[in-house]
C-alpha atoms as a PDB file:
ATOM      1  CA  MET A   1       0.428   0.051  -0.091  1.00  0.00           C
ATOM      2  CA  ASP A   2       2.932   2.382   0.647  1.00  0.00           C
ATOM      3  CA  ASN A   3       4.830   1.710  -1.876  1.00  0.00           C
ATOM      4  CA  ASN A   4       1.556   1.954  -4.521  1.00  0.00           C
ATOM      5  CA  ASN A   5       1.005   5.829  -2.918  1.00  0.00           C
ATOM      6  CA  SER A   6       4.660   6.770  -2.882  1.00  0.00           C
ATOM      7  CA  GLU A   7       4.002   5.936  -6.837  1.00  0.00           C
ATOM      8  CA  ASN A   8       1.412   8.898  -7.356  1.00  0.00           C
ATOM      9  CA  VAL A   9       2.823  10.985  -5.585  1.00  0.00           C
ATOM     10  CA  GLN A  10       6.260  11.152  -6.825  1.00  0.00           C
ATOM     11  CA  GLY A  11       5.752  10.108 -10.217  1.00  0.00           C
ATOM     12  CA  HIS A  12       2.477  12.341 -10.513  1.00  0.00           C
ATOM     13  CA  LEU A  13       0.600  10.625 -12.824  1.00  0.00           C
ATOM     14  CA  PRO A  14      -1.317  12.239 -15.111  1.00  0.00           C
ATOM     15  CA  THR A  15      -5.610  11.842 -15.119  1.00  0.00           C
ATOM     16  CA  LYS A  16      -7.790  12.196 -17.992  1.00  0.00           C
ATOM     17  CA  THR A  17      -8.883  15.400 -16.957  1.00  0.00           C
ATOM     18  CA  GLU A  18      -5.573  17.413 -16.486  1.00  0.00           C
ATOM     19  CA  ASN A  19      -4.208  15.561 -20.193  1.00  0.00           C
ATOM     20  CA  ILE A  20      -7.674  17.436 -21.881  1.00  0.00           C
ATOM     21  CA  SER A  21      -7.475  20.602 -19.880  1.00  0.00           C
ATOM     22  CA  VAL A  22      -3.778  21.565 -21.638  1.00  0.00           C
ATOM     23  CA  PRO A  23      -5.142  21.447 -25.123  1.00  0.00           C
ATOM     24  CA  ILE A  24      -8.138  23.050 -24.420  1.00  0.00           C
ATOM     25  CA  ALA A  25      -6.622  25.982 -22.860  1.00  0.00           C
ATOM     26  CA  LEU A  26      -4.406  26.447 -25.671  1.00  0.00           C
ATOM     27  CA  VAL A  27      -6.945  25.964 -28.082  1.00  0.00           C
ATOM     28  CA  VAL A  28      -9.115  28.951 -26.353  1.00  0.00           C
ATOM     29  CA  PHE A  29      -6.080  30.747 -26.204  1.00  0.00           C
ATOM     30  CA  ILE A  30      -5.321  31.067 -30.032  1.00  0.00           C
ATOM     31  CA  LEU A  31      -9.431  31.277 -31.022  1.00  0.00           C
ATOM     32  CA  SER A  32      -9.145  34.164 -27.892  1.00  0.00           C
ATOM     33  CA  ALA A  33      -6.178  35.685 -29.690  1.00  0.00           C
ATOM     34  CA  PHE A  34      -7.309  35.186 -33.245  1.00  0.00           C
ATOM     35  CA  PHE A  35     -10.816  36.686 -32.040  1.00  0.00           C
ATOM     36  CA  LEU A  36      -9.153  40.165 -30.550  1.00  0.00           C
ATOM     37  CA  LEU A  37      -7.018  40.428 -33.883  1.00  0.00           C
ATOM     38  CA  ALA A  38     -10.077  40.039 -35.949  1.00  0.00           C
ATOM     39  CA  VAL A  39     -12.224  42.515 -33.565  1.00  0.00           C
ATOM     40  CA  VAL A  40      -9.172  45.008 -33.590  1.00  0.00           C
ATOM     41  CA  ILE A  41      -9.142  45.166 -37.504  1.00  0.00           C
ATOM     42  CA  ILE A  42     -12.281  45.146 -37.662  1.00  0.00           C
ATOM     43  CA  SER A  43     -12.620  48.368 -35.360  1.00  0.00           C
ATOM     44  CA  ILE A  44      -9.708  49.693 -37.692  1.00  0.00           C
ATOM     45  CA  TYR A  45     -11.234  49.304 -40.767  1.00  0.00           C
ATOM     46  CA  GLY A  46     -14.592  50.549 -39.529  1.00  0.00           C
ATOM     47  CA  VAL A  47     -12.825  53.651 -37.917  1.00  0.00           C
ATOM     48  CA  ARG A  48     -11.542  54.681 -41.408  1.00  0.00           C
ATOM     49  CA  GLY A  49     -15.131  54.560 -43.376  1.00  0.00           C
ATOM     50  CA  MET A  50     -16.447  56.515 -40.628  1.00  0.00           C
ATOM     51  CA  VAL A  51     -13.345  58.846 -41.016  1.00  0.00           C
ATOM     52  CA  SER A  52     -13.679  58.907 -44.741  1.00  0.00           C
ATOM     53  CA  ARG A  53     -17.644  59.502 -44.863  1.00  0.00           C
ATOM     54  CA  GLU A  54     -17.315  62.024 -42.885  1.00  0.00           C
ATOM     55  CA  ILE A  55     -14.734  63.957 -44.418  1.00  0.00           C
ATOM     56  CA  ALA A  56     -16.908  63.877 -47.969  1.00  0.00           C
ATOM     57  CA  ALA A  57     -19.978  65.057 -46.104  1.00  0.00           C
ATOM     58  CA  LYS A  58     -17.833  68.061 -44.959  1.00  0.00           C
ATOM     59  CA  LYS A  59     -16.380  68.829 -48.332  1.00  0.00           C
ATOM     60  CA  GLN A  60     -19.868  68.464 -49.304  1.00  0.00           C
ATOM     61  CA  ALA A  61     -21.279  71.092 -46.827  1.00  0.00           C
ATOM     62  CA  LYS A  62     -18.515  73.281 -47.361  1.00  0.00           C
ATOM     63  CA  THR A  63     -19.517  73.904 -51.144  1.00  0.00           C
ATOM     64  CA  PRO A  64     -22.285  76.938 -51.141  1.00  0.00           C
ATOM     65  CA  VAL A  65     -25.578  75.630 -52.497  1.00  0.00           C
ATOM     66  CA  ALA A  66     -25.113  78.840 -55.008  1.00  0.00           C
ATOM     67  CA  LEU A  67     -21.537  76.562 -56.457  1.00  0.00           C
ATOM     68  CA  GLN A  68     -23.239  73.244 -57.094  1.00  0.00           C
ATOM     69  CA  GLU A  69     -26.318  75.193 -58.560  1.00  0.00           C
ATOM     70  CA  ILE A  70     -22.965  76.402 -60.881  1.00  0.00           C
ATOM     71  CA  LYS A  71     -21.927  73.514 -61.249  1.00  0.00           C
ATOM     72  CA  TYR A  72     -24.883  71.569 -62.442  1.00  0.00           C
ATOM     73  CA  ASN A  73     -25.907  73.767 -64.838  1.00  0.00           C
ATOM     74  CA  ASP A  74     -22.398  73.798 -66.316  1.00  0.00           C
ATOM     75  CA  SER A  75     -22.363  70.119 -66.336  1.00  0.00           C
ATOM     76  CA  LEU A  76     -26.178  70.017 -67.979  1.00  0.00           C
ATOM     77  CA  MET A  77     -24.941  72.556 -70.404  1.00  0.00           C
ATOM     78  CA  LEU A  78     -21.547  70.344 -71.649  1.00  0.00           C
ATOM     79  CA  ASN A  79     -23.267  67.477 -71.539  1.00  0.00           C
ATOM     80  CA  SER A  80     -26.519  67.483 -72.982  1.00  0.00           C
ATOM     81  CA  THR A  81     -28.601  68.453 -76.365  1.00  0.00           C
ATOM     82  CA  GLU A  82     -31.047  70.785 -75.936  1.00  0.00           C
ATOM     83  CA  TRP A  83     -32.258  72.486 -79.038  1.00  0.00           C
ATOM     84  CA  ILE A  84     -31.520  76.464 -79.194  1.00  0.00           C
ATOM     85  CA  ASP A  85     -33.659  77.856 -81.628  1.00  0.00           C
ATOM     86  CA  TYR A  86     -35.997  74.889 -83.710  1.00  0.00           C
ATOM     87  CA  GLN A  87     -36.795  76.869 -86.227  1.00  0.00           C
ATOM     88  CA  GLN A  88     -33.504  77.993 -86.868  1.00  0.00           C
ATOM     89  CA  GLY A  89     -32.146  74.802 -86.763  1.00  0.00           C
ATOM     90  CA  LYS A  90     -29.613  75.825 -83.616  1.00  0.00           C
ATOM     91  CA  LEU A  91     -29.626  72.497 -81.083  1.00  0.00           C
ATOM     92  CA  ARG A  92     -26.682  72.562 -78.040  1.00  0.00           C
ATOM     93  CA  ILE A  93     -24.552  68.811 -78.061  1.00  0.00           C
ATOM     94  CA  PRO A  94     -22.862  67.376 -76.084  1.00  0.00           C
ATOM     95  CA  ILE A  95     -18.978  69.135 -76.427  1.00  0.00           C
ATOM     96  CA  LYS A  96     -17.784  65.730 -76.774  1.00  0.00           C
ATOM     97  CA  ARG A  97     -19.923  64.761 -79.423  1.00  0.00           C
ATOM     98  CA  ALA A  98     -18.594  69.156 -80.513  1.00  0.00           C
ATOM     99  CA  MET A  99     -15.403  67.825 -80.960  1.00  0.00           C
ATOM    100  CA  ASP A 100     -15.625  64.393 -82.680  1.00  0.00           C
ATOM    101  CA  LEU A 101     -17.687  66.407 -85.168  1.00  0.00           C
ATOM    102  CA  ILE A 102     -14.754  69.115 -85.628  1.00  0.00           C
ATOM    103  CA  ALA A 103     -11.852  66.877 -85.471  1.00  0.00           C
ATOM    104  CA  GLN A 104     -14.116  64.601 -88.479  1.00  0.00           C
ATOM    105  CA  GLU A 105     -14.401  67.867 -90.961  1.00  0.00           C
ATOM    106  CA  ASN A 106     -10.963  68.510 -90.486  1.00  0.00           C
ATOM    107  CA  GLN A 107      -9.704  65.505 -91.736  1.00  0.00           C
END
């Protein structure tokens, strides 16, 4: 009996639960580390996206309404087709098309 007790104390043979707990702890640690890394990465990209949207909104807010209207009207004038005077046959065409027609005439 003494011989058997001395082996358990001195040799300390691990039980099944002790064998399993070390790998489980390691797996939990590794998964926690990956989870933490994922949270940090998502947070960084989320903050960057929010900052870029805020910067774009501030730029838009800084542009006065009158300037926005001027840019819109200029864009319409340069990129749309509209009759200026139908009876005289005056037509406004997009600038790209006008440049193409002039290039064809000069060939």
